[in-house]
Amino acid sequence: MVPFDEQLRRLVTEACGHKPGSPQRQKLLTQIIRLTASRLWRETTPYYQDALQQTWLYFCRNVCEGLTGQIYDPNYGSVITWLNAYLRRRLQDFYLNQNREQATTVPQRTRQSTSGGISEAIDPIDNLAASPQAPPILEDLEMWAQTDSNGELRGIYIKGRPDVNCQVLILKRLPPEVSWRELSEEFRLSIPTLSSFYQRQCLPRLRKFAELEGLL
């Protein structure tokens, strides 16, 4: 029986042998995601699913071409080790950003009332270069959100703000992501309000679609 890590390495090699965006590569990447999903680091923090989503996107963009980061190198460890390292860095970023937001809630409100400025801790994800070609998984997610065939995404919005709905936020947070700071300035809402709504209402719907379509 082929060891699990060796099986993943073979699948990665096979996937990267196909052209970017091809059905063959998409099928193999999806297979790898399914095999690794249950073995990744888990915790119960409220921002875990957001960090996990970013990890899958990072995987699709860098496992073969290294579009936004260091390309996967099997000589430095297994796929699981590589993904867990990235996932835990993202979780640490979320944790630090959340603490900064909580610590600066009062000063932010003061600045808003005097100069209209809104500050936000820098998210390392915002500094990643945009992918020149969206991975197939991203294309499927974008098409689903734009179509919103049953109107569910448009119908879920922040109280009193139908313009700030799940369709809008999901599309803006798909890579290349619009930062929470920019969204806060655009919609005149606090970063915690937008981020909390996205995590509670939008992200679960995005993940459900991805699971039903076999993308995750």
N, C-alpha and C. Protein backbone atom coordinates (compact mmCIF):
# COMPACT_ATOMS: atom_id res chain seq x y z
N MET A 1 0.85 -1.21 0.00
CA MET A 1 0.00 0.00 0.00
C MET A 1 0.88 1.25 0.00
N VAL A 2 0.58 2.21 -0.87
CA VAL A 2 1.38 3.43 -1.00
C VAL A 2 1.15 4.33 0.22
N PRO A 3 2.23 4.76 0.91
CA PRO A 3 2.08 5.67 2.04
C PRO A 3 1.32 6.93 1.62
N PHE A 4 0.59 7.51 2.58
CA PHE A 4 -0.28 8.65 2.27
C PHE A 4 0.51 9.82 1.68
N ASP A 5 1.63 10.19 2.30
CA ASP A 5 2.40 11.33 1.81
C ASP A 5 2.91 11.09 0.40
N GLU A 6 3.31 9.85 0.12
CA GLU A 6 3.79 9.53 -1.22
C GLU A 6 2.65 9.60 -2.23
N GLN A 7 1.46 9.18 -1.81
CA GLN A 7 0.28 9.27 -2.68
C GLN A 7 0.01 10.73 -3.05
N LEU A 8 0.09 11.62 -2.04
CA LEU A 8 -0.14 13.04 -2.31
C LEU A 8 0.92 13.61 -3.24
N ARG A 9 2.17 13.23 -3.04
CA ARG A 9 3.24 13.74 -3.91
C ARG A 9 3.01 13.32 -5.36
N ARG A 10 2.57 12.09 -5.54
CA ARG A 10 2.31 11.61 -6.90
C ARG A 10 1.15 12.37 -7.54
N LEU A 11 0.11 12.65 -6.74
CA LEU A 11 -1.03 13.39 -7.26
C LEU A 11 -0.64 14.82 -7.63
N VAL A 12 0.22 15.44 -6.81
CA VAL A 12 0.69 16.79 -7.10
C VAL A 12 1.49 16.80 -8.40
N THR A 13 2.38 15.83 -8.54
CA THR A 13 3.19 15.75 -9.76
C THR A 13 2.31 15.57 -10.99
N GLU A 14 1.29 14.72 -10.85
CA GLU A 14 0.38 14.47 -11.97
C GLU A 14 -0.43 15.72 -12.29
N ALA A 15 -0.94 16.39 -11.24
CA ALA A 15 -1.74 17.60 -11.45
C ALA A 15 -0.94 18.69 -12.15
N CYS A 16 0.30 18.87 -11.70
CA CYS A 16 1.13 19.93 -12.26
C CYS A 16 1.61 19.60 -13.67
N GLY A 17 1.42 18.37 -14.08
CA GLY A 17 1.76 17.98 -15.44
C GLY A 17 0.71 18.40 -16.45
N HIS A 18 -0.45 18.83 -15.96
CA HIS A 18 -1.52 19.31 -16.84
C HIS A 18 -1.52 20.84 -16.87
N LYS A 19 -2.08 21.41 -17.90
CA LYS A 19 -2.10 22.86 -18.08
C LYS A 19 -2.95 23.54 -17.01
N PRO A 20 -2.55 24.75 -16.57
CA PRO A 20 -3.38 25.51 -15.63
C PRO A 20 -4.78 25.73 -16.20
N GLY A 21 -5.80 25.50 -15.37
CA GLY A 21 -7.18 25.70 -15.81
C GLY A 21 -7.79 24.51 -16.51
N SER A 22 -7.01 23.46 -16.77
CA SER A 22 -7.54 22.30 -17.48
C SER A 22 -8.42 21.46 -16.56
N PRO A 23 -9.42 20.78 -17.10
CA PRO A 23 -10.28 19.92 -16.28
C PRO A 23 -9.48 18.84 -15.56
N GLN A 24 -8.42 18.34 -16.19
CA GLN A 24 -7.62 17.29 -15.58
C GLN A 24 -6.94 17.80 -14.31
N ARG A 25 -6.37 19.02 -14.39
CA ARG A 25 -5.72 19.56 -13.19
C ARG A 25 -6.75 19.86 -12.11
N GLN A 26 -7.88 20.43 -12.48
CA GLN A 26 -8.91 20.76 -11.49
C GLN A 26 -9.38 19.51 -10.76
N LYS A 27 -9.57 18.43 -11.50
CA LYS A 27 -10.02 17.18 -10.90
C LYS A 27 -9.00 16.66 -9.88
N LEU A 28 -7.72 16.72 -10.24
CA LEU A 28 -6.67 16.22 -9.35
C LEU A 28 -6.49 17.12 -8.13
N LEU A 29 -6.57 18.45 -8.32
CA LEU A 29 -6.46 19.36 -7.18
C LEU A 29 -7.61 19.14 -6.20
N THR A 30 -8.79 18.93 -6.74
CA THR A 30 -9.96 18.65 -5.89
C THR A 30 -9.76 17.36 -5.12
N GLN A 31 -9.18 16.36 -5.77
CA GLN A 31 -8.92 15.09 -5.10
C GLN A 31 -7.92 15.27 -3.95
N ILE A 32 -6.89 16.08 -4.20
CA ILE A 32 -5.90 16.34 -3.14
C ILE A 32 -6.54 17.06 -1.97
N ILE A 33 -7.39 18.05 -2.26
CA ILE A 33 -8.07 18.80 -1.19
C ILE A 33 -8.92 17.87 -0.35
N ARG A 34 -9.66 16.97 -0.99
CA ARG A 34 -10.50 16.04 -0.25
C ARG A 34 -9.67 15.13 0.64
N LEU A 35 -8.53 14.69 0.14
CA LEU A 35 -7.68 13.77 0.92
C LEU A 35 -7.02 14.47 2.11
N THR A 36 -6.69 15.74 1.94
CA THR A 36 -5.96 16.44 3.00
C THR A 36 -6.86 17.15 4.01
N ALA A 37 -8.11 17.41 3.64
CA ALA A 37 -8.99 18.25 4.47
C ALA A 37 -9.10 17.76 5.90
N SER A 38 -9.26 16.46 6.09
CA SER A 38 -9.47 15.91 7.43
C SER A 38 -8.18 15.82 8.26
N ARG A 39 -7.05 16.10 7.63
CA ARG A 39 -5.76 15.95 8.31
C ARG A 39 -5.11 17.28 8.67
N LEU A 40 -5.76 18.38 8.30
CA LEU A 40 -5.19 19.69 8.60
C LEU A 40 -5.43 20.08 10.06
N TRP A 41 -4.64 21.02 10.51
CA TRP A 41 -4.77 21.58 11.85
C TRP A 41 -6.19 22.13 12.05
N ARG A 42 -6.77 21.84 13.21
CA ARG A 42 -8.13 22.30 13.50
C ARG A 42 -8.18 23.01 14.84
N GLU A 43 -9.02 24.03 14.91
CA GLU A 43 -9.30 24.70 16.18
C GLU A 43 -10.67 25.35 16.07
N THR A 44 -11.18 25.82 17.20
CA THR A 44 -12.57 26.30 17.24
C THR A 44 -12.68 27.82 17.23
N THR A 45 -11.64 28.51 16.84
CA THR A 45 -11.70 29.97 16.79
C THR A 45 -12.69 30.42 15.71
N PRO A 46 -13.34 31.57 15.91
CA PRO A 46 -14.37 32.04 14.97
C PRO A 46 -13.84 32.35 13.58
N TYR A 47 -12.53 32.60 13.47
CA TYR A 47 -11.96 32.95 12.17
C TYR A 47 -11.29 31.75 11.49
N TYR A 48 -11.47 30.55 12.04
CA TYR A 48 -10.81 29.37 11.47
C TYR A 48 -11.23 29.13 10.01
N GLN A 49 -12.54 29.19 9.73
CA GLN A 49 -13.02 28.88 8.38
C GLN A 49 -12.48 29.89 7.35
N ASP A 50 -12.35 31.14 7.76
CA ASP A 50 -11.80 32.15 6.86
C ASP A 50 -10.34 31.83 6.56
N ALA A 51 -9.59 31.44 7.59
CA ALA A 51 -8.18 31.07 7.41
C ALA A 51 -8.06 29.82 6.54
N LEU A 52 -8.97 28.87 6.73
CA LEU A 52 -8.95 27.64 5.95
C LEU A 52 -9.23 27.94 4.48
N GLN A 53 -10.20 28.82 4.22
CA GLN A 53 -10.51 29.20 2.84
C GLN A 53 -9.27 29.80 2.16
N GLN A 54 -8.58 30.68 2.88
CA GLN A 54 -7.38 31.28 2.32
C GLN A 54 -6.30 30.24 2.06
N THR A 55 -6.25 29.21 2.91
CA THR A 55 -5.26 28.14 2.73
C THR A 55 -5.52 27.36 1.45
N TRP A 56 -6.80 27.04 1.18
CA TRP A 56 -7.12 26.31 -0.06
C TRP A 56 -6.81 27.15 -1.28
N LEU A 57 -7.08 28.45 -1.20
CA LEU A 57 -6.78 29.33 -2.33
C LEU A 57 -5.27 29.41 -2.55
N TYR A 58 -4.53 29.49 -1.45
CA TYR A 58 -3.07 29.52 -1.54
C TYR A 58 -2.55 28.23 -2.17
N PHE A 59 -3.14 27.11 -1.78
CA PHE A 59 -2.75 25.81 -2.34
C PHE A 59 -2.94 25.81 -3.86
N CYS A 60 -4.11 26.23 -4.32
CA CYS A 60 -4.41 26.19 -5.76
C CYS A 60 -3.49 27.12 -6.56
N ARG A 61 -3.07 28.21 -5.95
CA ARG A 61 -2.28 29.21 -6.67
C ARG A 61 -0.78 28.92 -6.64
N ASN A 62 -0.34 28.08 -5.69
CA ASN A 62 1.10 27.93 -5.51
C ASN A 62 1.62 26.50 -5.55
N VAL A 63 0.74 25.52 -5.60
CA VAL A 63 1.23 24.15 -5.58
C VAL A 63 2.01 23.80 -6.85
N CYS A 64 1.67 24.43 -7.96
CA CYS A 64 2.36 24.13 -9.22
C CYS A 64 3.20 25.29 -9.74
N GLU A 65 2.63 26.50 -9.75
CA GLU A 65 3.33 27.64 -10.36
C GLU A 65 3.94 28.64 -9.38
N GLY A 66 3.50 28.64 -8.13
CA GLY A 66 4.02 29.64 -7.21
C GLY A 66 3.60 31.04 -7.61
N LEU A 67 2.29 31.24 -7.85
CA LEU A 67 1.80 32.52 -8.36
C LEU A 67 1.85 33.64 -7.33
N THR A 68 1.62 33.31 -6.06
CA THR A 68 1.57 34.36 -5.02
C THR A 68 2.49 34.07 -3.85
N GLY A 69 3.25 33.02 -3.92
CA GLY A 69 4.13 32.67 -2.81
C GLY A 69 5.16 31.65 -3.26
N GLN A 70 5.78 31.02 -2.29
CA GLN A 70 6.80 30.01 -2.59
C GLN A 70 6.13 28.75 -3.12
N ILE A 71 6.58 28.29 -4.28
CA ILE A 71 6.02 27.08 -4.86
C ILE A 71 6.27 25.88 -3.95
N TYR A 72 5.36 24.95 -3.93
CA TYR A 72 5.51 23.77 -3.08
C TYR A 72 6.74 22.96 -3.51
N ASP A 73 7.56 22.60 -2.54
CA ASP A 73 8.76 21.80 -2.79
C ASP A 73 8.69 20.56 -1.90
N PRO A 74 8.45 19.38 -2.48
CA PRO A 74 8.33 18.16 -1.68
C PRO A 74 9.60 17.81 -0.91
N ASN A 75 10.73 18.38 -1.29
CA ASN A 75 11.98 18.10 -0.59
C ASN A 75 12.00 18.70 0.82
N TYR A 76 11.14 19.66 1.06
CA TYR A 76 11.11 20.34 2.36
C TYR A 76 9.98 19.85 3.26
N GLY A 77 9.22 18.88 2.80
CA GLY A 77 8.15 18.35 3.64
C GLY A 77 6.95 17.91 2.83
N SER A 78 6.00 17.29 3.51
CA SER A 78 4.80 16.78 2.85
C SER A 78 3.83 17.91 2.54
N VAL A 79 2.83 17.62 1.73
CA VAL A 79 1.78 18.59 1.41
C VAL A 79 1.08 19.04 2.69
N ILE A 80 0.81 18.09 3.59
CA ILE A 80 0.14 18.40 4.86
C ILE A 80 0.97 19.39 5.67
N THR A 81 2.26 19.14 5.78
CA THR A 81 3.15 20.03 6.53
C THR A 81 3.15 21.43 5.93
N TRP A 82 3.22 21.50 4.61
CA TRP A 82 3.22 22.78 3.89
C TRP A 82 1.93 23.55 4.15
N LEU A 83 0.79 22.88 4.01
CA LEU A 83 -0.50 23.54 4.20
C LEU A 83 -0.72 23.93 5.66
N ASN A 84 -0.33 23.06 6.59
CA ASN A 84 -0.51 23.38 8.00
C ASN A 84 0.32 24.59 8.41
N ALA A 85 1.52 24.70 7.87
CA ALA A 85 2.37 25.86 8.18
C ALA A 85 1.70 27.15 7.73
N TYR A 86 1.14 27.13 6.51
CA TYR A 86 0.46 28.32 6.00
C TYR A 86 -0.81 28.60 6.80
N LEU A 87 -1.59 27.57 7.09
CA LEU A 87 -2.85 27.74 7.84
C LEU A 87 -2.57 28.34 9.21
N ARG A 88 -1.57 27.86 9.90
CA ARG A 88 -1.30 28.36 11.25
C ARG A 88 -0.77 29.80 11.21
N ARG A 89 -0.07 30.16 10.14
CA ARG A 89 0.35 31.57 10.00
C ARG A 89 -0.87 32.47 9.80
N ARG A 90 -1.83 32.01 8.99
CA ARG A 90 -3.03 32.81 8.77
C ARG A 90 -3.84 32.93 10.07
N LEU A 91 -3.93 31.87 10.82
CA LEU A 91 -4.65 31.91 12.10
C LEU A 91 -3.98 32.89 13.06
N GLN A 92 -2.66 32.89 13.06
CA GLN A 92 -1.94 33.83 13.91
C GLN A 92 -2.20 35.27 13.46
N ASP A 93 -2.25 35.49 12.15
CA ASP A 93 -2.56 36.82 11.63
C ASP A 93 -3.94 37.28 12.08
N PHE A 94 -4.93 36.38 11.95
CA PHE A 94 -6.30 36.72 12.38
C PHE A 94 -6.33 37.04 13.87
N TYR A 95 -5.62 36.24 14.65
CA TYR A 95 -5.59 36.44 16.10
C TYR A 95 -4.99 37.80 16.44
N LEU A 96 -3.86 38.13 15.82
CA LEU A 96 -3.20 39.41 16.08
C LEU A 96 -4.05 40.58 15.61
N ASN A 97 -4.66 40.45 14.43
CA ASN A 97 -5.50 41.53 13.91
C ASN A 97 -6.73 41.75 14.78
N GLN A 98 -7.31 40.66 15.25
CA GLN A 98 -8.49 40.78 16.12
C GLN A 98 -8.13 41.50 17.41
N ASN A 99 -6.98 41.16 17.97
CA ASN A 99 -6.55 41.83 19.20
C ASN A 99 -6.27 43.30 18.97
N ARG A 100 -5.68 43.62 17.81
CA ARG A 100 -5.41 45.03 17.50
C ARG A 100 -6.72 45.81 17.33
N GLU A 101 -7.69 45.18 16.64
CA GLU A 101 -8.98 45.84 16.42
C GLU A 101 -9.69 46.10 17.74
N GLN A 102 -9.64 45.11 18.64
CA GLN A 102 -10.28 45.28 19.95
C GLN A 102 -9.59 46.35 20.77
N ALA A 103 -8.26 46.39 20.66
CA ALA A 103 -7.48 47.34 21.45
C ALA A 103 -7.63 48.77 20.95
N THR A 104 -8.00 48.92 19.67
CA THR A 104 -8.08 50.27 19.09
C THR A 104 -9.50 50.68 18.75
N THR A 105 -10.50 49.97 19.28
CA THR A 105 -11.90 50.28 18.97
C THR A 105 -12.25 51.72 19.34
N VAL A 106 -11.89 52.16 20.54
CA VAL A 106 -12.23 53.52 20.98
C VAL A 106 -11.46 54.56 20.19
N PRO A 107 -10.13 54.42 20.02
CA PRO A 107 -9.42 55.42 19.19
C PRO A 107 -9.95 55.50 17.77
N GLN A 108 -10.36 54.37 17.19
CA GLN A 108 -10.90 54.40 15.83
C GLN A 108 -12.16 55.24 15.79
N ARG A 109 -13.05 55.04 16.77
CA ARG A 109 -14.30 55.80 16.78
C ARG A 109 -14.00 57.29 16.93
N THR A 110 -12.98 57.62 17.74
CA THR A 110 -12.61 59.02 17.93
C THR A 110 -12.13 59.64 16.63
N ARG A 111 -11.30 58.88 15.91
CA ARG A 111 -10.79 59.41 14.65
C ARG A 111 -11.90 59.55 13.61
N GLN A 112 -12.85 58.62 13.66
CA GLN A 112 -13.97 58.69 12.71
C GLN A 112 -14.79 59.95 12.94
N SER A 113 -14.98 60.30 14.21
CA SER A 113 -15.83 61.44 14.52
C SER A 113 -15.15 62.77 14.22
N THR A 114 -13.79 62.73 14.12
CA THR A 114 -13.09 63.99 13.91
C THR A 114 -12.60 64.16 12.47
N SER A 115 -12.08 63.08 11.89
CA SER A 115 -11.49 63.24 10.57
C SER A 115 -12.04 62.27 9.55
N GLY A 116 -12.86 61.31 9.98
CA GLY A 116 -13.43 60.36 9.05
C GLY A 116 -12.50 59.24 8.66
N GLY A 117 -11.28 59.21 9.23
CA GLY A 117 -10.32 58.18 8.88
C GLY A 117 -10.61 56.88 9.60
N ILE A 118 -10.27 55.76 9.00
CA ILE A 118 -10.46 54.45 9.59
C ILE A 118 -9.17 53.68 9.44
N SER A 119 -8.68 53.13 10.56
CA SER A 119 -7.41 52.41 10.50
C SER A 119 -7.63 50.92 10.65
N GLU A 120 -6.68 50.17 10.19
CA GLU A 120 -6.76 48.71 10.26
C GLU A 120 -5.36 48.14 10.28
N ALA A 121 -5.15 47.08 11.07
CA ALA A 121 -3.87 46.39 11.04
C ALA A 121 -3.67 45.80 9.65
N ILE A 122 -2.44 45.86 9.16
CA ILE A 122 -2.15 45.36 7.82
C ILE A 122 -2.30 43.85 7.78
N ASP A 123 -3.07 43.36 6.86
CA ASP A 123 -3.25 41.92 6.66
C ASP A 123 -2.24 41.46 5.61
N PRO A 124 -1.34 40.52 5.98
CA PRO A 124 -0.34 40.05 5.00
C PRO A 124 -0.97 39.53 3.71
N ILE A 125 -2.19 39.02 3.78
CA ILE A 125 -2.86 38.51 2.59
C ILE A 125 -3.04 39.64 1.57
N ASP A 126 -3.26 40.88 2.07
CA ASP A 126 -3.49 42.00 1.17
C ASP A 126 -2.24 42.33 0.35
N ASN A 127 -1.07 41.87 0.81
CA ASN A 127 0.18 42.19 0.11
C ASN A 127 0.54 41.15 -0.95
N LEU A 128 -0.24 40.08 -1.04
CA LEU A 128 0.05 39.06 -2.04
C LEU A 128 -0.29 39.58 -3.43
N ALA A 129 0.52 39.24 -4.39
CA ALA A 129 0.25 39.65 -5.76
C ALA A 129 -0.97 38.92 -6.29
N ALA A 130 -1.74 39.60 -7.13
CA ALA A 130 -2.93 38.97 -7.71
C ALA A 130 -2.51 37.91 -8.72
N SER A 131 -3.27 36.82 -8.74
CA SER A 131 -2.99 35.76 -9.70
C SER A 131 -3.32 36.23 -11.11
N PRO A 132 -2.43 36.05 -12.08
CA PRO A 132 -2.72 36.48 -13.44
C PRO A 132 -3.87 35.70 -14.06
N GLN A 133 -4.10 34.51 -13.56
CA GLN A 133 -5.22 33.71 -14.05
C GLN A 133 -5.87 33.01 -12.87
N ALA A 134 -7.15 33.25 -12.65
CA ALA A 134 -7.82 32.66 -11.50
C ALA A 134 -7.87 31.15 -11.64
N PRO A 135 -7.55 30.40 -10.55
CA PRO A 135 -7.67 28.95 -10.60
C PRO A 135 -9.11 28.55 -10.90
N PRO A 136 -9.34 27.36 -11.46
CA PRO A 136 -10.69 26.92 -11.80
C PRO A 136 -11.65 26.98 -10.62
N ILE A 137 -11.17 26.65 -9.43
CA ILE A 137 -12.04 26.69 -8.25
C ILE A 137 -12.55 28.10 -8.02
N LEU A 138 -11.68 29.08 -8.17
CA LEU A 138 -12.09 30.48 -7.99
C LEU A 138 -13.10 30.90 -9.05
N GLU A 139 -12.90 30.44 -10.26
CA GLU A 139 -13.82 30.79 -11.34
C GLU A 139 -15.22 30.25 -11.03
N ASP A 140 -15.29 29.03 -10.50
CA ASP A 140 -16.59 28.44 -10.15
C ASP A 140 -17.26 29.22 -9.02
N LEU A 141 -16.48 29.60 -8.01
CA LEU A 141 -17.04 30.36 -6.89
C LEU A 141 -17.52 31.73 -7.34
N GLU A 142 -16.74 32.37 -8.20
CA GLU A 142 -17.12 33.70 -8.70
C GLU A 142 -18.39 33.64 -9.54
N MET A 143 -18.50 32.63 -10.40
CA MET A 143 -19.69 32.47 -11.22
C MET A 143 -20.93 32.25 -10.36
N TRP A 144 -20.79 31.39 -9.33
CA TRP A 144 -21.91 31.11 -8.42
C TRP A 144 -22.37 32.39 -7.72
N ALA A 145 -21.41 33.16 -7.21
CA ALA A 145 -21.77 34.37 -6.47
C ALA A 145 -22.39 35.43 -7.39
N GLN A 146 -21.84 35.59 -8.58
CA GLN A 146 -22.36 36.59 -9.51
C GLN A 146 -23.77 36.23 -9.99
N THR A 147 -23.99 34.94 -10.25
CA THR A 147 -25.30 34.50 -10.74
C THR A 147 -26.35 34.59 -9.65
N ASP A 148 -26.02 34.04 -8.45
CA ASP A 148 -26.95 34.06 -7.31
C ASP A 148 -28.37 33.72 -7.78
N SER A 149 -28.51 32.54 -8.37
CA SER A 149 -29.73 32.16 -9.08
C SER A 149 -31.00 32.25 -8.24
N ASN A 150 -30.92 31.97 -6.94
CA ASN A 150 -32.13 32.03 -6.10
C ASN A 150 -32.22 33.31 -5.28
N GLY A 151 -31.28 34.22 -5.47
CA GLY A 151 -31.32 35.50 -4.76
C GLY A 151 -30.96 35.43 -3.30
N GLU A 152 -30.46 34.27 -2.84
CA GLU A 152 -30.17 34.12 -1.41
C GLU A 152 -29.06 35.06 -0.96
N LEU A 153 -27.99 35.16 -1.75
CA LEU A 153 -26.86 35.98 -1.34
C LEU A 153 -27.23 37.46 -1.25
N ARG A 154 -28.04 37.93 -2.20
CA ARG A 154 -28.47 39.34 -2.16
C ARG A 154 -29.44 39.59 -1.02
N GLY A 155 -30.15 38.52 -0.62
CA GLY A 155 -31.16 38.67 0.43
C GLY A 155 -30.61 38.65 1.84
N ILE A 156 -29.33 38.28 1.99
CA ILE A 156 -28.71 38.26 3.31
C ILE A 156 -27.80 39.47 3.42
N TYR A 157 -28.19 40.45 4.26
CA TYR A 157 -27.41 41.68 4.33
C TYR A 157 -27.38 42.23 5.75
N ILE A 158 -26.46 43.15 5.99
CA ILE A 158 -26.36 43.80 7.29
C ILE A 158 -27.61 44.64 7.52
N LYS A 159 -28.15 44.57 8.71
CA LYS A 159 -29.41 45.24 9.03
C LYS A 159 -29.39 46.70 8.60
N GLY A 160 -30.40 47.05 7.80
CA GLY A 160 -30.52 48.42 7.32
C GLY A 160 -29.61 48.77 6.17
N ARG A 161 -28.81 47.78 5.68
CA ARG A 161 -27.88 48.04 4.59
C ARG A 161 -27.97 46.94 3.52
N PRO A 162 -29.05 46.93 2.74
CA PRO A 162 -29.18 45.91 1.69
C PRO A 162 -28.07 45.96 0.65
N ASP A 163 -27.35 47.09 0.60
CA ASP A 163 -26.24 47.20 -0.35
C ASP A 163 -25.01 46.43 0.13
N VAL A 164 -24.99 46.11 1.41
CA VAL A 164 -23.86 45.34 1.97
C VAL A 164 -24.35 43.92 2.24
N ASN A 165 -24.41 43.14 1.18
CA ASN A 165 -24.96 41.78 1.29
C ASN A 165 -23.89 40.74 1.02
N CYS A 166 -24.27 39.47 1.15
CA CYS A 166 -23.30 38.38 0.99
C CYS A 166 -22.74 38.30 -0.43
N GLN A 167 -23.57 38.61 -1.42
CA GLN A 167 -23.07 38.57 -2.79
C GLN A 167 -21.92 39.57 -2.97
N VAL A 168 -22.14 40.78 -2.51
CA VAL A 168 -21.14 41.84 -2.65
C VAL A 168 -19.86 41.48 -1.91
N LEU A 169 -20.00 41.04 -0.65
CA LEU A 169 -18.81 40.78 0.16
C LEU A 169 -18.04 39.56 -0.32
N ILE A 170 -18.74 38.51 -0.73
CA ILE A 170 -18.04 37.32 -1.23
C ILE A 170 -17.23 37.66 -2.47
N LEU A 171 -17.83 38.40 -3.40
CA LEU A 171 -17.12 38.77 -4.62
C LEU A 171 -15.91 39.66 -4.32
N LYS A 172 -16.05 40.54 -3.35
CA LYS A 172 -14.95 41.44 -3.01
C LYS A 172 -13.83 40.73 -2.25
N ARG A 173 -14.17 39.64 -1.54
CA ARG A 173 -13.16 38.93 -0.76
C ARG A 173 -12.51 37.79 -1.52
N LEU A 174 -13.02 37.46 -2.71
CA LEU A 174 -12.32 36.47 -3.53
C LEU A 174 -11.03 37.11 -4.06
N PRO A 175 -9.95 36.34 -4.16
CA PRO A 175 -8.69 36.90 -4.65
C PRO A 175 -8.83 37.53 -6.03
N PRO A 176 -8.19 38.67 -6.27
CA PRO A 176 -7.38 39.43 -5.31
C PRO A 176 -8.28 40.19 -4.35
N GLU A 177 -8.17 39.90 -3.04
CA GLU A 177 -9.11 40.41 -2.05
C GLU A 177 -9.05 41.92 -1.88
N VAL A 178 -10.23 42.52 -1.69
CA VAL A 178 -10.31 43.91 -1.25
C VAL A 178 -10.14 43.87 0.27
N SER A 179 -9.27 44.68 0.82
CA SER A 179 -8.98 44.62 2.26
C SER A 179 -10.19 45.08 3.07
N TRP A 180 -10.23 44.64 4.32
CA TRP A 180 -11.31 45.07 5.21
C TRP A 180 -11.25 46.58 5.42
N ARG A 181 -10.05 47.14 5.41
CA ARG A 181 -9.93 48.59 5.58
C ARG A 181 -10.63 49.32 4.44
N GLU A 182 -10.39 48.87 3.21
CA GLU A 182 -11.01 49.52 2.05
C GLU A 182 -12.52 49.33 2.07
N LEU A 183 -12.98 48.13 2.46
CA LEU A 183 -14.43 47.89 2.53
C LEU A 183 -15.06 48.76 3.61
N SER A 184 -14.35 48.92 4.72
CA SER A 184 -14.86 49.76 5.81
C SER A 184 -15.03 51.20 5.35
N GLU A 185 -14.06 51.69 4.59
CA GLU A 185 -14.15 53.06 4.08
C GLU A 185 -15.25 53.20 3.02
N GLU A 186 -15.38 52.16 2.17
CA GLU A 186 -16.38 52.21 1.10
C GLU A 186 -17.80 52.22 1.64
N PHE A 187 -18.06 51.36 2.63
CA PHE A 187 -19.43 51.21 3.13
C PHE A 187 -19.71 51.99 4.41
N ARG A 188 -18.68 52.65 4.94
CA ARG A 188 -18.85 53.44 6.16
C ARG A 188 -19.35 52.57 7.32
N LEU A 189 -18.77 51.40 7.42
CA LEU A 189 -19.08 50.48 8.51
C LEU A 189 -17.77 50.04 9.14
N SER A 190 -17.80 49.68 10.42
CA SER A 190 -16.57 49.29 11.09
C SER A 190 -16.06 47.95 10.57
N ILE A 191 -14.77 47.76 10.69
CA ILE A 191 -14.15 46.50 10.26
C ILE A 191 -14.73 45.30 11.02
N PRO A 192 -14.85 45.36 12.36
CA PRO A 192 -15.45 44.23 13.09
C PRO A 192 -16.86 43.89 12.62
N THR A 193 -17.66 44.91 12.30
CA THR A 193 -19.03 44.67 11.83
C THR A 193 -19.03 43.91 10.51
N LEU A 194 -18.20 44.34 9.58
CA LEU A 194 -18.13 43.69 8.27
C LEU A 194 -17.55 42.28 8.38
N SER A 195 -16.46 42.16 9.12
CA SER A 195 -15.79 40.87 9.25
C SER A 195 -16.67 39.84 9.96
N SER A 196 -17.35 40.28 11.01
CA SER A 196 -18.22 39.37 11.76
C SER A 196 -19.39 38.90 10.90
N PHE A 197 -20.01 39.82 10.17
CA PHE A 197 -21.12 39.45 9.28
C PHE A 197 -20.66 38.47 8.21
N TYR A 198 -19.49 38.73 7.64
CA TYR A 198 -18.95 37.85 6.60
C TYR A 198 -18.72 36.44 7.14
N GLN A 199 -18.13 36.34 8.33
CA GLN A 199 -17.82 35.04 8.91
C GLN A 199 -19.08 34.29 9.32
N ARG A 200 -20.10 35.02 9.83
CA ARG A 200 -21.31 34.35 10.32
C ARG A 200 -22.30 34.00 9.21
N GLN A 201 -22.42 34.87 8.21
CA GLN A 201 -23.48 34.71 7.22
C GLN A 201 -22.98 34.32 5.82
N CYS A 202 -21.88 34.90 5.39
CA CYS A 202 -21.44 34.70 4.00
C CYS A 202 -20.54 33.48 3.84
N LEU A 203 -19.55 33.37 4.70
CA LEU A 203 -18.58 32.28 4.57
C LEU A 203 -19.23 30.89 4.65
N PRO A 204 -20.18 30.65 5.57
CA PRO A 204 -20.82 29.32 5.61
C PRO A 204 -21.55 28.99 4.30
N ARG A 205 -22.15 29.97 3.66
CA ARG A 205 -22.85 29.73 2.39
C ARG A 205 -21.86 29.45 1.26
N LEU A 206 -20.75 30.17 1.27
CA LEU A 206 -19.71 29.92 0.27
C LEU A 206 -19.15 28.52 0.44
N ARG A 207 -18.88 28.15 1.68
CA ARG A 207 -18.31 26.83 1.94
C ARG A 207 -19.31 25.72 1.58
N LYS A 208 -20.59 25.93 1.87
CA LYS A 208 -21.60 24.92 1.54
C LYS A 208 -21.65 24.68 0.04
N PHE A 209 -21.62 25.77 -0.74
CA PHE A 209 -21.62 25.61 -2.20
C PHE A 209 -20.38 24.85 -2.65
N ALA A 210 -19.21 25.22 -2.12
CA ALA A 210 -17.97 24.56 -2.52
C ALA A 210 -18.01 23.06 -2.21
N GLU A 211 -18.59 22.71 -1.06
CA GLU A 211 -18.67 21.30 -0.69
C GLU A 211 -19.65 20.54 -1.59
N LEU A 212 -20.79 21.17 -1.89
CA LEU A 212 -21.78 20.52 -2.75
C LEU A 212 -21.24 20.29 -4.16
N GLU A 213 -20.39 21.21 -4.61
CA GLU A 213 -19.82 21.10 -5.95
C GLU A 213 -18.55 20.26 -5.99
N GLY A 214 -18.14 19.77 -4.82
CA GLY A 214 -16.92 18.97 -4.76
C GLY A 214 -15.65 19.77 -4.89
N LEU A 215 -15.72 21.08 -4.61
CA LEU A 215 -14.54 21.94 -4.70
C LEU A 215 -13.71 21.86 -3.44
N LEU A 216 -14.34 21.49 -2.32
CA LEU A 216 -13.65 21.34 -1.05
C LEU A 216 -13.88 19.94 -0.51
